[in-house]
């Protein structure tokens, strides 16, 4: 399971290295593309890249003075695609809440209507 910073770095690398080909990427470019809230320094980025390589999300051919030659492996692309699917599934969730709320309101209205009919019928009988 990836943490948020690793996912962000993987997304940035996917944009920088399309089609699974090796590309040269500078560390400062990756760091500047990260949101300010999750920004890391060069050492932090090196740790994230090493972790991604060990988990076989990326392949690093070489790195020299904060310049990396790397590509995203199929498993890394799969992780990002699965995350996109999960986000789209979460968007359908508000519909469920609307349906549940409407069914609750309808059942409440039905029970109140039933009580009202019972009270009217009970008064006419007595």
C-alpha atoms as a PDB file:
ATOM      1  CA  UNK A   1       0.000   0.000   0.000  1.00  0.00           C
ATOM      2  CA  UNK A   2       1.349   3.378  -0.988  1.00  0.00           C
ATOM      3  CA  UNK A   3       1.288   6.439   1.186  1.00  0.00           C
ATOM      4  CA  UNK A   4       0.042   9.747  -0.209  1.00  0.00           C
ATOM      5  CA  UNK A   5       3.491  11.153  -1.017  1.00  0.00           C
ATOM      6  CA  UNK A   6       4.498   8.019  -2.910  1.00  0.00           C
ATOM      7  CA  UNK A   7       1.260   8.118  -4.919  1.00  0.00           C
ATOM      8  CA  UNK A   8       1.841  11.746  -5.805  1.00  0.00           C
ATOM      9  CA  UNK A   9       5.396  11.014  -6.951  1.00  0.00           C
ATOM     10  CA  UNK A  10       4.161   8.035  -8.989  1.00  0.00           C
ATOM     11  CA  UNK A  11       1.513  10.219 -10.676  1.00  0.00           C
ATOM     12  CA  UNK A  12       4.113  12.855 -11.508  1.00  0.00           C
ATOM     13  CA  UNK A  13       6.424  10.202 -12.931  1.00  0.00           C
ATOM     14  CA  UNK A  14       3.593   8.828 -15.040  1.00  0.00           C
ATOM     15  CA  UNK A  15       3.164  12.257 -16.629  1.00  0.00           C
ATOM     16  CA  UNK A  16       6.919  12.673 -17.111  1.00  0.00           C
ATOM     17  CA  UNK A  17       7.512   9.155 -18.475  1.00  0.00           C
ATOM     18  CA  UNK A  18       4.622   8.177 -20.753  1.00  0.00           C
ATOM     19  CA  UNK A  19       4.373   4.862 -22.599  1.00  0.00           C
ATOM     20  CA  UNK A  20       6.667   3.004 -20.214  1.00  0.00           C
ATOM     21  CA  UNK A  21       9.816   4.383 -21.831  1.00  0.00           C
ATOM     22  CA  UNK A  22      12.881   5.560 -19.947  1.00  0.00           C
ATOM     23  CA  UNK A  23      13.173   9.337 -19.542  1.00  0.00           C
ATOM     24  CA  UNK A  24      15.540  11.683 -17.775  1.00  0.00           C
ATOM     25  CA  UNK A  25      13.825  13.433 -14.901  1.00  0.00           C
ATOM     26  CA  UNK A  26      15.379  15.968 -12.570  1.00  0.00           C
ATOM     27  CA  UNK A  27      14.632  15.826  -8.864  1.00  0.00           C
ATOM     28  CA  UNK A  28      13.800  19.541  -8.743  1.00  0.00           C
ATOM     29  CA  UNK A  29      11.130  19.029 -11.417  1.00  0.00           C
ATOM     30  CA  UNK A  30       9.464  16.290  -9.399  1.00  0.00           C
ATOM     31  CA  UNK A  31       9.647  18.300  -6.176  1.00  0.00           C
ATOM     32  CA  UNK A  32       8.257  21.444  -7.791  1.00  0.00           C
ATOM     33  CA  UNK A  33       5.339  19.468  -9.290  1.00  0.00           C
ATOM     34  CA  UNK A  34       4.304  18.190  -5.844  1.00  0.00           C
ATOM     35  CA  UNK A  35       1.632  20.054  -3.880  1.00  0.00           C
ATOM     36  CA  UNK A  36       3.096  22.361  -1.242  1.00  0.00           C
ATOM     37  CA  UNK A  37       1.415  20.392   1.526  1.00  0.00           C
ATOM     38  CA  UNK A  38       3.245  17.182   0.579  1.00  0.00           C
ATOM     39  CA  UNK A  39       6.508  18.604  -0.767  1.00  0.00           C
ATOM     40  CA  UNK A  40       9.705  16.799   0.223  1.00  0.00           C
ATOM     41  CA  UNK A  41      13.400  17.551  -0.031  1.00  0.00           C
ATOM     42  CA  UNK A  42      15.950  15.677  -2.159  1.00  0.00           C
ATOM     43  CA  UNK A  43      16.612  13.048   0.509  1.00  0.00           C
ATOM     44  CA  UNK A  44      12.911  12.408   0.966  1.00  0.00           C
ATOM     45  CA  UNK A  45      12.467  12.065  -2.776  1.00  0.00           C
ATOM     46  CA  UNK A  46      15.379   9.619  -2.957  1.00  0.00           C
ATOM     47  CA  UNK A  47      13.764   7.484  -0.239  1.00  0.00           C
ATOM     48  CA  UNK A  48      10.432   7.518  -2.077  1.00  0.00           C
ATOM     49  CA  UNK A  49      12.057   6.550  -5.379  1.00  0.00           C
ATOM     50  CA  UNK A  50      14.018   3.731  -3.759  1.00  0.00           C
ATOM     51  CA  UNK A  51      10.809   2.457  -2.137  1.00  0.00           C
ATOM     52  CA  UNK A  52       8.940   2.604  -5.458  1.00  0.00           C
ATOM     53  CA  UNK A  53      11.758   0.713  -7.151  1.00  0.00           C
ATOM     54  CA  UNK A  54      11.883  -1.989  -4.474  1.00  0.00           C
ATOM     55  CA  UNK A  55       8.127  -2.484  -4.762  1.00  0.00           C
ATOM     56  CA  UNK A  56       8.583  -2.771  -8.559  1.00  0.00           C
ATOM     57  CA  UNK A  57       6.422   0.250  -9.409  1.00  0.00           C
ATOM     58  CA  UNK A  58       9.292   1.951 -11.270  1.00  0.00           C
ATOM     59  CA  UNK A  59      12.648   1.004 -12.743  1.00  0.00           C
ATOM     60  CA  UNK A  60      15.636   3.291 -12.247  1.00  0.00           C
ATOM     61  CA  UNK A  61      18.353   2.755 -14.835  1.00  0.00           C
ATOM     62  CA  UNK A  62      20.738   5.235 -13.208  1.00  0.00           C
ATOM     63  CA  UNK A  63      20.812   8.377 -11.098  1.00  0.00           C
ATOM     64  CA  UNK A  64      23.487  11.045 -11.088  1.00  0.00           C
ATOM     65  CA  UNK A  65      23.431  14.283  -9.122  1.00  0.00           C
ATOM     66  CA  UNK A  66      19.638  14.460  -8.759  1.00  0.00           C
ATOM     67  CA  UNK A  67      18.962  13.408 -12.366  1.00  0.00           C
ATOM     68  CA  UNK A  68      17.193  10.081 -12.770  1.00  0.00           C
ATOM     69  CA  UNK A  69      16.717   7.879 -15.804  1.00  0.00           C
ATOM     70  CA  UNK A  70      13.599   5.910 -15.008  1.00  0.00           C
ATOM     71  CA  UNK A  71      10.378   4.431 -16.298  1.00  0.00           C
ATOM     72  CA  UNK A  72       7.127   3.275 -14.782  1.00  0.00           C
ATOM     73  CA  UNK A  73       6.607  -0.477 -14.771  1.00  0.00           C
ATOM     74  CA  UNK A  74       3.242  -2.094 -15.599  1.00  0.00           C
ATOM     75  CA  UNK A  75       2.517  -2.696 -11.912  1.00  0.00           C
ATOM     76  CA  UNK A  76       2.905   1.037 -11.209  1.00  0.00           C
ATOM     77  CA  UNK A  77       0.485   1.888 -14.023  1.00  0.00           C
ATOM     78  CA  UNK A  78      -1.956  -0.677 -12.685  1.00  0.00           C
ATOM     79  CA  UNK A  79      -1.888   0.919  -9.229  1.00  0.00           C
ATOM     80  CA  UNK A  80      -2.716   4.321 -10.695  1.00  0.00           C
ATOM     81  CA  UNK A  81      -5.516   2.891 -12.855  1.00  0.00           C
ATOM     82  CA  UNK A  82      -7.059   1.114  -9.863  1.00  0.00           C
ATOM     83  CA  UNK A  83      -6.994   4.354  -7.898  1.00  0.00           C
ATOM     84  CA  UNK A  84      -8.846   6.093 -10.736  1.00  0.00           C
ATOM     85  CA  UNK A  85     -11.506   3.379 -10.719  1.00  0.00           C
ATOM     86  CA  UNK A  86     -11.941   3.661  -6.962  1.00  0.00           C
ATOM     87  CA  UNK A  87     -12.468   7.415  -7.236  1.00  0.00           C
ATOM     88  CA  UNK A  88     -15.157   6.927  -9.879  1.00  0.00           C
ATOM     89  CA  UNK A  89     -16.891   4.344  -7.687  1.00  0.00           C
ATOM     90  CA  UNK A  90     -16.899   6.779  -4.770  1.00  0.00           C
ATOM     91  CA  UNK A  91     -18.690   9.366  -6.886  1.00  0.00           C
ATOM     92  CA  UNK A  92     -21.720   7.067  -7.161  1.00  0.00           C
ATOM     93  CA  UNK A  93     -22.021   7.049  -3.379  1.00  0.00           C
ATOM     94  CA  UNK A  94     -24.077  10.287  -3.008  1.00  0.00           C
ATOM     95  CA  UNK A  95     -26.793   8.707  -5.135  1.00  0.00           C
ATOM     96  CA  UNK A  96     -27.116   5.960  -2.583  1.00  0.00           C
ATOM     97  CA  UNK A  97     -27.570   8.481   0.221  1.00  0.00           C
ATOM     98  CA  UNK A  98     -30.291  10.297  -1.721  1.00  0.00           C
ATOM     99  CA  UNK A  99     -32.147   7.039  -2.324  1.00  0.00           C
ATOM    100  CA  UNK A 100     -31.877   6.083   1.346  1.00  0.00           C
ATOM    101  CA  UNK A 101     -33.080   9.507   2.471  1.00  0.00           C
ATOM    102  CA  UNK A 102     -36.043   9.446   0.097  1.00  0.00           C
ATOM    103  CA  UNK A 103     -37.057   5.938   1.156  1.00  0.00           C
ATOM    104  CA  UNK A 104     -36.844   6.974   4.819  1.00  0.00           C
ATOM    105  CA  UNK A 105     -39.012  10.055   4.168  1.00  0.00           C
ATOM    106  CA  UNK A 106     -41.552   7.969   2.229  1.00  0.00           C
ATOM    107  CA  UNK A 107     -41.803   5.354   4.962  1.00  0.00           C
ATOM    108  CA  UNK A 108     -42.174   8.058   7.632  1.00  0.00           C
ATOM    109  CA  UNK A 109     -44.901   9.773   5.596  1.00  0.00           C
ATOM    110  CA  UNK A 110     -46.649   6.437   5.052  1.00  0.00           C
ATOM    111  CA  UNK A 111     -46.644   5.594   8.745  1.00  0.00           C
ATOM    112  CA  UNK A 112     -47.977   9.043   9.673  1.00  0.00           C
ATOM    113  CA  UNK A 113     -50.706   8.722   7.047  1.00  0.00           C
ATOM    114  CA  UNK A 114     -51.605   5.278   8.399  1.00  0.00           C
ATOM    115  CA  UNK A 115     -51.893   6.639  11.954  1.00  0.00           C
ATOM    116  CA  UNK A 116     -54.062   9.514  10.753  1.00  0.00           C
ATOM    117  CA  UNK A 117     -56.416   7.164   8.888  1.00  0.00           C
ATOM    118  CA  UNK A 118     -56.634   4.909  11.943  1.00  0.00           C
ATOM    119  CA  UNK A 119     -57.515   7.861  14.220  1.00  0.00           C
ATOM    120  CA  UNK A 120     -60.217   9.117  11.819  1.00  0.00           C
ATOM    121  CA  UNK A 121     -61.728   5.640  11.481  1.00  0.00           C
ATOM    122  CA  UNK A 122     -61.583   5.067  15.248  1.00  0.00           C
ATOM    123  CA  UNK A 123     -63.510   8.305  15.957  1.00  0.00           C
ATOM    124  CA  UNK A 124     -66.279   7.478  13.464  1.00  0.00           C
ATOM    125  CA  UNK A 125     -66.794   4.035  14.947  1.00  0.00           C
ATOM    126  CA  UNK A 126     -67.182   5.276  18.519  1.00  0.00           C
END
